[in-house]
PDB file of all heavy atoms in Angstrom:
ATOM      1  N   VAL A   1     159.948 104.918-100.746  1.00  0.00           N
ATOM      2  CA  VAL A   1     160.360 104.418 -99.465  1.00  0.00           C
ATOM      3  C   VAL A   1     160.240 102.904 -99.345  1.00  0.00           C
ATOM      4  O   VAL A   1     161.172 102.146 -98.957  1.00  0.00           O
ATOM      5  CB  VAL A   1     159.616 105.133 -98.358  1.00  0.00           C
ATOM      6  CG1 VAL A   1     159.818 104.401 -96.985  1.00  0.00           C
ATOM      7  CG2 VAL A   1     159.963 106.573 -98.228  1.00  0.00           C
ATOM      8  N   SER A   2     159.081 102.408 -99.858  1.00  0.00           N
ATOM      9  CA  SER A   2     158.848 100.931 -99.874  1.00  0.00           C
ATOM     10  C   SER A   2     159.796 100.195-100.789  1.00  0.00           C
ATOM     11  O   SER A   2     160.394  99.133-100.385  1.00  0.00           O
ATOM     12  CB  SER A   2     157.342 100.708-100.205  1.00  0.00           C
ATOM     13  OG  SER A   2     157.141  99.313-100.369  1.00  0.00           O
ATOM     14  N   PHE A   3     159.911 100.713-101.993  1.00  0.00           N
ATOM     15  CA  PHE A   3     160.730 100.002-103.020  1.00  0.00           C
ATOM     16  C   PHE A   3     162.160  99.934-102.620  1.00  0.00           C
ATOM     17  O   PHE A   3     162.824  99.022-102.990  1.00  0.00           O
ATOM     18  CB  PHE A   3     160.504 100.779-104.385  1.00  0.00           C
ATOM     19  CG  PHE A   3     160.898  99.960-105.541  1.00  0.00           C
ATOM     20  CD1 PHE A   3     159.966  99.101-106.177  1.00  0.00           C
ATOM     21  CD2 PHE A   3     162.210 100.040-106.085  1.00  0.00           C
ATOM     22  CE1 PHE A   3     160.346  98.306-107.200  1.00  0.00           C
ATOM     23  CE2 PHE A   3     162.482  99.244-107.233  1.00  0.00           C
ATOM     24  CZ  PHE A   3     161.586  98.445-107.781  1.00  0.00           C
ATOM     25  N   ASP A   4     162.625 100.885-101.850  1.00  0.00           N
ATOM     26  CA  ASP A   4     164.020 100.957-101.519  1.00  0.00           C
ATOM     27  C   ASP A   4     164.333 100.295-100.200  1.00  0.00           C
ATOM     28  O   ASP A   4     165.594 100.047 -99.929  1.00  0.00           O
ATOM     29  CB  ASP A   4     164.477 102.380-101.499  1.00  0.00           C
ATOM     30  CG  ASP A   4     166.005 102.612-101.685  1.00  0.00           C
ATOM     31  OD1 ASP A   4     166.570 101.892-102.565  1.00  0.00           O
ATOM     32  OD2 ASP A   4     166.653 103.339-100.914  1.00  0.00           O
ATOM     33  N   GLU A   5     163.387  99.914 -99.410  1.00  0.00           N
ATOM     34  CA  GLU A   5     163.608  99.389 -98.059  1.00  0.00           C
ATOM     35  C   GLU A   5     163.914  97.935 -98.154  1.00  0.00           C
ATOM     36  O   GLU A   5     163.238  97.181 -98.892  1.00  0.00           O
ATOM     37  CB  GLU A   5     162.381  99.603 -97.181  1.00  0.00           C
ATOM     38  CG  GLU A   5     162.581  99.542 -95.695  1.00  0.00           C
ATOM     39  CD  GLU A   5     162.702  98.085 -95.241  1.00  0.00           C
ATOM     40  OE1 GLU A   5     161.933  97.224 -95.696  1.00  0.00           O
ATOM     41  OE2 GLU A   5     163.562  97.860 -94.307  1.00  0.00           O
ATOM     42  N   PHE A   6     164.929  97.449 -97.367  1.00  0.00           N
ATOM     43  CA  PHE A   6     165.249  95.984 -97.444  1.00  0.00           C
ATOM     44  C   PHE A   6     165.299  95.336 -96.071  1.00  0.00           C
ATOM     45  O   PHE A   6     164.983  94.161 -95.961  1.00  0.00           O
ATOM     46  CB  PHE A   6     166.601  95.805 -98.137  1.00  0.00           C
ATOM     47  CG  PHE A   6     167.775  96.188 -97.361  1.00  0.00           C
ATOM     48  CD1 PHE A   6     168.460  95.342 -96.606  1.00  0.00           C
ATOM     49  CD2 PHE A   6     168.233  97.527 -97.388  1.00  0.00           C
ATOM     50  CE1 PHE A   6     169.510  95.646 -95.791  1.00  0.00           C
ATOM     51  CE2 PHE A   6     169.291  97.895 -96.620  1.00  0.00           C
ATOM     52  CZ  PHE A   6     169.939  97.012 -95.840  1.00  0.00           C
ATOM     53  N   MET A   7     165.680  96.049 -95.094  1.00  0.00           N
ATOM     54  CA  MET A   7     165.910  95.347 -93.742  1.00  0.00           C
ATOM     55  C   MET A   7     164.585  94.803 -93.118  1.00  0.00           C
ATOM     56  O   MET A   7     164.538  93.630 -92.699  1.00  0.00           O
ATOM     57  CB  MET A   7     166.499  96.408 -92.728  1.00  0.00           C
ATOM     58  CG  MET A   7     166.820  95.817 -91.345  1.00  0.00           C
ATOM     59  SD  MET A   7     168.022  94.482 -91.438  1.00  0.00           S
ATOM     60  CE  MET A   7     169.515  95.396 -91.790  1.00  0.00           C
ATOM     61  N   ILE A   8     163.551  95.617 -93.063  1.00  0.00           N
ATOM     62  CA  ILE A   8     162.332  95.136 -92.543  1.00  0.00           C
ATOM     63  C   ILE A   8     161.658  94.070 -93.477  1.00  0.00           C
ATOM     64  O   ILE A   8     161.122  93.095 -92.966  1.00  0.00           O
ATOM     65  CB  ILE A   8     161.352  96.351 -92.354  1.00  0.00           C
ATOM     66  CG1 ILE A   8     161.806  97.233 -91.274  1.00  0.00           C
ATOM     67  CG2 ILE A   8     159.924  95.842 -91.969  1.00  0.00           C
ATOM     68  CD1 ILE A   8     161.024  98.509 -91.035  1.00  0.00           C
ATOM     69  N   ALA A   9     161.829  94.267 -94.756  1.00  0.00           N
ATOM     70  CA  ALA A   9     161.314  93.292 -95.726  1.00  0.00           C
ATOM     71  C   ALA A   9     162.052  91.910 -95.559  1.00  0.00           C
ATOM     72  O   ALA A   9     161.457  90.889 -95.721  1.00  0.00           O
ATOM     73  CB  ALA A   9     161.423  93.794 -97.073  1.00  0.00           C
ATOM     74  N   TRP A  10     163.323  92.038 -95.252  1.00  0.00           N
ATOM     75  CA  TRP A  10     164.123  90.844 -95.048  1.00  0.00           C
ATOM     76  C   TRP A  10     163.645  90.052 -93.774  1.00  0.00           C
ATOM     77  O   TRP A  10     163.583  88.861 -93.805  1.00  0.00           O
ATOM     78  CB  TRP A  10     165.564  91.189 -94.886  1.00  0.00           C
ATOM     79  CG  TRP A  10     166.433  89.983 -94.761  1.00  0.00           C
ATOM     80  CD1 TRP A  10     166.899  89.090 -95.717  1.00  0.00           C
ATOM     81  CD2 TRP A  10     167.200  89.611 -93.537  1.00  0.00           C
ATOM     82  NE1 TRP A  10     167.659  88.177 -95.162  1.00  0.00           N
ATOM     83  CE2 TRP A  10     167.931  88.438 -93.831  1.00  0.00           C
ATOM     84  CE3 TRP A  10     167.189  90.079 -92.255  1.00  0.00           C
ATOM     85  CZ2 TRP A  10     168.688  87.768 -92.900  1.00  0.00           C
ATOM     86  CZ3 TRP A  10     167.938  89.430 -91.288  1.00  0.00           C
ATOM     87  CH2 TRP A  10     168.729  88.330 -91.609  1.00  0.00           C
ATOM     88  N   PHE A  11     163.247  90.828 -92.727  1.00  0.00           N
ATOM     89  CA  PHE A  11     162.838  90.202 -91.460  1.00  0.00           C
ATOM     90  C   PHE A  11     161.427  89.621 -91.570  1.00  0.00           C
ATOM     91  O   PHE A  11     161.247  88.490 -91.126  1.00  0.00           O
ATOM     92  CB  PHE A  11     162.731  91.291 -90.342  1.00  0.00           C
ATOM     93  CG  PHE A  11     164.051  91.448 -89.601  1.00  0.00           C
ATOM     94  CD1 PHE A  11     164.854  92.597 -89.769  1.00  0.00           C
ATOM     95  CD2 PHE A  11     164.465  90.473 -88.711  1.00  0.00           C
ATOM     96  CE1 PHE A  11     166.101  92.733 -89.088  1.00  0.00           C
ATOM     97  CE2 PHE A  11     165.690  90.615 -88.010  1.00  0.00           C
ATOM     98  CZ  PHE A  11     166.424  91.734 -88.131  1.00  0.00           C
ATOM     99  N   VAL A  12     160.523  90.220 -92.220  1.00  0.00           N
ATOM    100  CA  VAL A  12     159.085  89.792 -92.180  1.00  0.00           C
ATOM    101  C   VAL A  12     158.606  89.045 -93.397  1.00  0.00           C
ATOM    102  O   VAL A  12     157.578  88.503 -93.459  1.00  0.00           O
ATOM    103  CB  VAL A  12     158.129  90.939 -91.847  1.00  0.00           C
ATOM    104  CG1 VAL A  12     158.611  91.643 -90.593  1.00  0.00           C
ATOM    105  CG2 VAL A  12     158.108  91.925 -92.960  1.00  0.00           C
ATOM    106  N   GLY A  13     159.422  89.206 -94.548  1.00  0.00           N
ATOM    107  CA  GLY A  13     158.920  88.677 -95.823  1.00  0.00           C
ATOM    108  C   GLY A  13     159.093  87.190 -96.024  1.00  0.00           C
ATOM    109  O   GLY A  13     158.402  86.628 -96.915  1.00  0.00           O
ATOM    110  N   GLY A  14     159.921  86.537 -95.171  1.00  0.00           N
ATOM    111  CA  GLY A  14     160.153  85.087 -95.382  1.00  0.00           C
ATOM    112  C   GLY A  14     160.643  84.793 -96.799  1.00  0.00           C
ATOM    113  O   GLY A  14     161.661  85.351 -97.236  1.00  0.00           O
ATOM    114  N   MET A  15     160.019  83.870 -97.512  1.00  0.00           N
ATOM    115  CA  MET A  15     160.440  83.506 -98.788  1.00  0.00           C
ATOM    116  C   MET A  15     160.025  84.487 -99.843  1.00  0.00           C
ATOM    117  O   MET A  15     160.417  84.448-101.069  1.00  0.00           O
ATOM    118  CB  MET A  15     159.888  82.104 -99.178  1.00  0.00           C
ATOM    119  CG  MET A  15     160.493  81.022 -98.236  1.00  0.00           C
ATOM    120  SD  MET A  15     162.208  80.902 -98.296  1.00  0.00           S
ATOM    121  CE  MET A  15     162.458  80.351 -99.966  1.00  0.00           C
ATOM    122  N   ASN A  16     159.127  85.421 -99.592  1.00  0.00           N
ATOM    123  CA  ASN A  16     158.699  86.458-100.501  1.00  0.00           C
ATOM    124  C   ASN A  16     159.657  87.619-100.614  1.00  0.00           C
ATOM    125  O   ASN A  16     159.524  88.588 -99.832  1.00  0.00           O
ATOM    126  CB  ASN A  16     157.304  86.920-100.114  1.00  0.00           C
ATOM    127  CG  ASN A  16     156.193  85.913-100.226  1.00  0.00           C
ATOM    128  OD1 ASN A  16     156.021  85.344-101.290  1.00  0.00           O
ATOM    129  ND2 ASN A  16     155.618  85.540 -99.113  1.00  0.00           N
ATOM    130  N   GLU A  17     160.689  87.483-101.389  1.00  0.00           N
ATOM    131  CA  GLU A  17     161.714  88.503-101.507  1.00  0.00           C
ATOM    132  C   GLU A  17     161.213  89.687-102.323  1.00  0.00           C
ATOM    133  O   GLU A  17     160.608  89.585-103.370  1.00  0.00           O
ATOM    134  CB  GLU A  17     162.967  87.918-102.173  1.00  0.00           C
ATOM    135  CG  GLU A  17     163.633  86.790-101.443  1.00  0.00           C
ATOM    136  CD  GLU A  17     164.787  86.256-102.129  1.00  0.00           C
ATOM    137  OE1 GLU A  17     164.897  86.518-103.375  1.00  0.00           O
ATOM    138  OE2 GLU A  17     165.660  85.640-101.543  1.00  0.00           O
ATOM    139  N   THR A  18     161.588  90.872-101.865  1.00  0.00           N
ATOM    140  CA  THR A  18     161.471  92.081-102.624  1.00  0.00           C
ATOM    141  C   THR A  18     162.899  92.217-103.397  1.00  0.00           C
ATOM    142  O   THR A  18     163.845  91.548-103.042  1.00  0.00           O
ATOM    143  CB  THR A  18     161.169  93.347-101.764  1.00  0.00           C
ATOM    144  OG1 THR A  18     162.201  93.455-100.762  1.00  0.00           O
ATOM    145  CG2 THR A  18     159.821  93.111-101.107  1.00  0.00           C
ATOM    146  N   LEU A  19     162.915  93.233-104.240  1.00  0.00           N
ATOM    147  CA  LEU A  19     164.112  93.425-105.036  1.00  0.00           C
ATOM    148  C   LEU A  19     165.381  93.713-104.177  1.00  0.00           C
ATOM    149  O   LEU A  19     166.489  93.227-104.410  1.00  0.00           O
ATOM    150  CB  LEU A  19     163.923  94.453-106.157  1.00  0.00           C
ATOM    151  CG  LEU A  19     164.861  94.385-107.343  1.00  0.00           C
ATOM    152  CD1 LEU A  19     164.970  93.086-108.018  1.00  0.00           C
ATOM    153  CD2 LEU A  19     164.417  95.446-108.403  1.00  0.00           C
ATOM    154  N   PRO A  20     165.250  94.700-103.240  1.00  0.00           N
ATOM    155  CA  PRO A  20     166.515  94.945-102.417  1.00  0.00           C
ATOM    156  C   PRO A  20     166.922  93.745-101.584  1.00  0.00           C
ATOM    157  O   PRO A  20     168.112  93.553-101.398  1.00  0.00           O
ATOM    158  CB  PRO A  20     165.972  96.092-101.515  1.00  0.00           C
ATOM    159  CG  PRO A  20     164.874  96.755-102.248  1.00  0.00           C
ATOM    160  CD  PRO A  20     164.161  95.634-102.972  1.00  0.00           C
ATOM    161  N   VAL A  21     165.903  92.899-101.233  1.00  0.00           N
ATOM    162  CA  VAL A  21     166.357  91.674-100.457  1.00  0.00           C
ATOM    163  C   VAL A  21     167.002  90.685-101.390  1.00  0.00           C
ATOM    164  O   VAL A  21     168.002  90.029-100.981  1.00  0.00           O
ATOM    165  CB  VAL A  21     165.056  90.967 -99.849  1.00  0.00           C
ATOM    166  CG1 VAL A  21     165.447  89.668 -99.188  1.00  0.00           C
ATOM    167  CG2 VAL A  21     164.474  91.893 -98.804  1.00  0.00           C
ATOM    168  N   ARG A  22     166.556  90.630-102.656  1.00  0.00           N
ATOM    169  CA  ARG A  22     167.222  89.787-103.665  1.00  0.00           C
ATOM    170  C   ARG A  22     168.745  90.272-103.861  1.00  0.00           C
ATOM    171  O   ARG A  22     169.643  89.427-103.926  1.00  0.00           O
ATOM    172  CB  ARG A  22     166.472  89.803-104.931  1.00  0.00           C
ATOM    173  CG  ARG A  22     167.088  89.003-106.098  1.00  0.00           C
ATOM    174  CD  ARG A  22     166.638  87.667-106.170  1.00  0.00           C
ATOM    175  NE  ARG A  22     166.925  86.760-105.074  1.00  0.00           N
ATOM    176  CZ  ARG A  22     167.907  85.831-105.029  1.00  0.00           C
ATOM    177  NH1 ARG A  22     168.670  85.717-106.080  1.00  0.00           N
ATOM    178  NH2 ARG A  22     168.103  85.022-104.033  1.00  0.00           N
ATOM    179  N   ILE A  23     168.911  91.623-103.908  1.00  0.00           N
ATOM    180  CA  ILE A  23     170.314  92.122-104.042  1.00  0.00           C
ATOM    181  C   ILE A  23     171.100  91.722-102.883  1.00  0.00           C
ATOM    182  O   ILE A  23     172.267  91.324-102.974  1.00  0.00           O
ATOM    183  CB  ILE A  23     170.204  93.683-104.150  1.00  0.00           C
ATOM    184  CG1 ILE A  23     169.577  94.062-105.420  1.00  0.00           C
ATOM    185  CG2 ILE A  23     171.619  94.261-104.125  1.00  0.00           C
ATOM    186  CD1 ILE A  23     169.361  95.566-105.581  1.00  0.00           C
ATOM    187  N   LEU A  24     170.561  91.856-101.634  1.00  0.00           N
ATOM    188  CA  LEU A  24     171.260  91.434-100.410  1.00  0.00           C
ATOM    189  C   LEU A  24     171.698  89.954-100.493  1.00  0.00           C
ATOM    190  O   LEU A  24     172.802  89.597-100.128  1.00  0.00           O
ATOM    191  CB  LEU A  24     170.428  91.706 -99.234  1.00  0.00           C
ATOM    192  CG  LEU A  24     170.987  91.285 -97.878  1.00  0.00           C
ATOM    193  CD1 LEU A  24     172.189  92.181 -97.531  1.00  0.00           C
ATOM    194  CD2 LEU A  24     169.972  91.422 -96.763  1.00  0.00           C
ATOM    195  N   ASN A  25     170.709  89.151-100.936  1.00  0.00           N
ATOM    196  CA  ASN A  25     171.018  87.644-101.027  1.00  0.00           C
ATOM    197  C   ASN A  25     172.112  87.362-102.098  1.00  0.00           C
ATOM    198  O   ASN A  25     172.880  86.496-101.930  1.00  0.00           O
ATOM    199  CB  ASN A  25     169.805  86.914-101.270  1.00  0.00           C
ATOM    200  CG  ASN A  25     168.804  86.842-100.165  1.00  0.00           C
ATOM    201  OD1 ASN A  25     169.271  86.932 -99.047  1.00  0.00           O
ATOM    202  ND2 ASN A  25     167.515  86.682-100.415  1.00  0.00           N
ATOM    203  N   LEU A  26     172.036  88.152-103.200  1.00  0.00           N
ATOM    204  CA  LEU A  26     173.156  87.943-104.192  1.00  0.00           C
ATOM    205  C   LEU A  26     174.453  88.388-103.656  1.00  0.00           C
ATOM    206  O   LEU A  26     175.516  87.767-104.016  1.00  0.00           O
ATOM    207  CB  LEU A  26     172.781  88.816-105.439  1.00  0.00           C
ATOM    208  CG  LEU A  26     171.630  88.364-106.369  1.00  0.00           C
ATOM    209  CD1 LEU A  26     171.354  89.334-107.411  1.00  0.00           C
ATOM    210  CD2 LEU A  26     172.085  86.999-107.041  1.00  0.00           C
TER     211      LEU A  26
END
């Protein structure tokens, strides 16, 4: 669940990107 989640990580992670957020930015 954590590894696949991107929306909340995008909101609260700031510059600390997780892999799904990196995909979104790409």
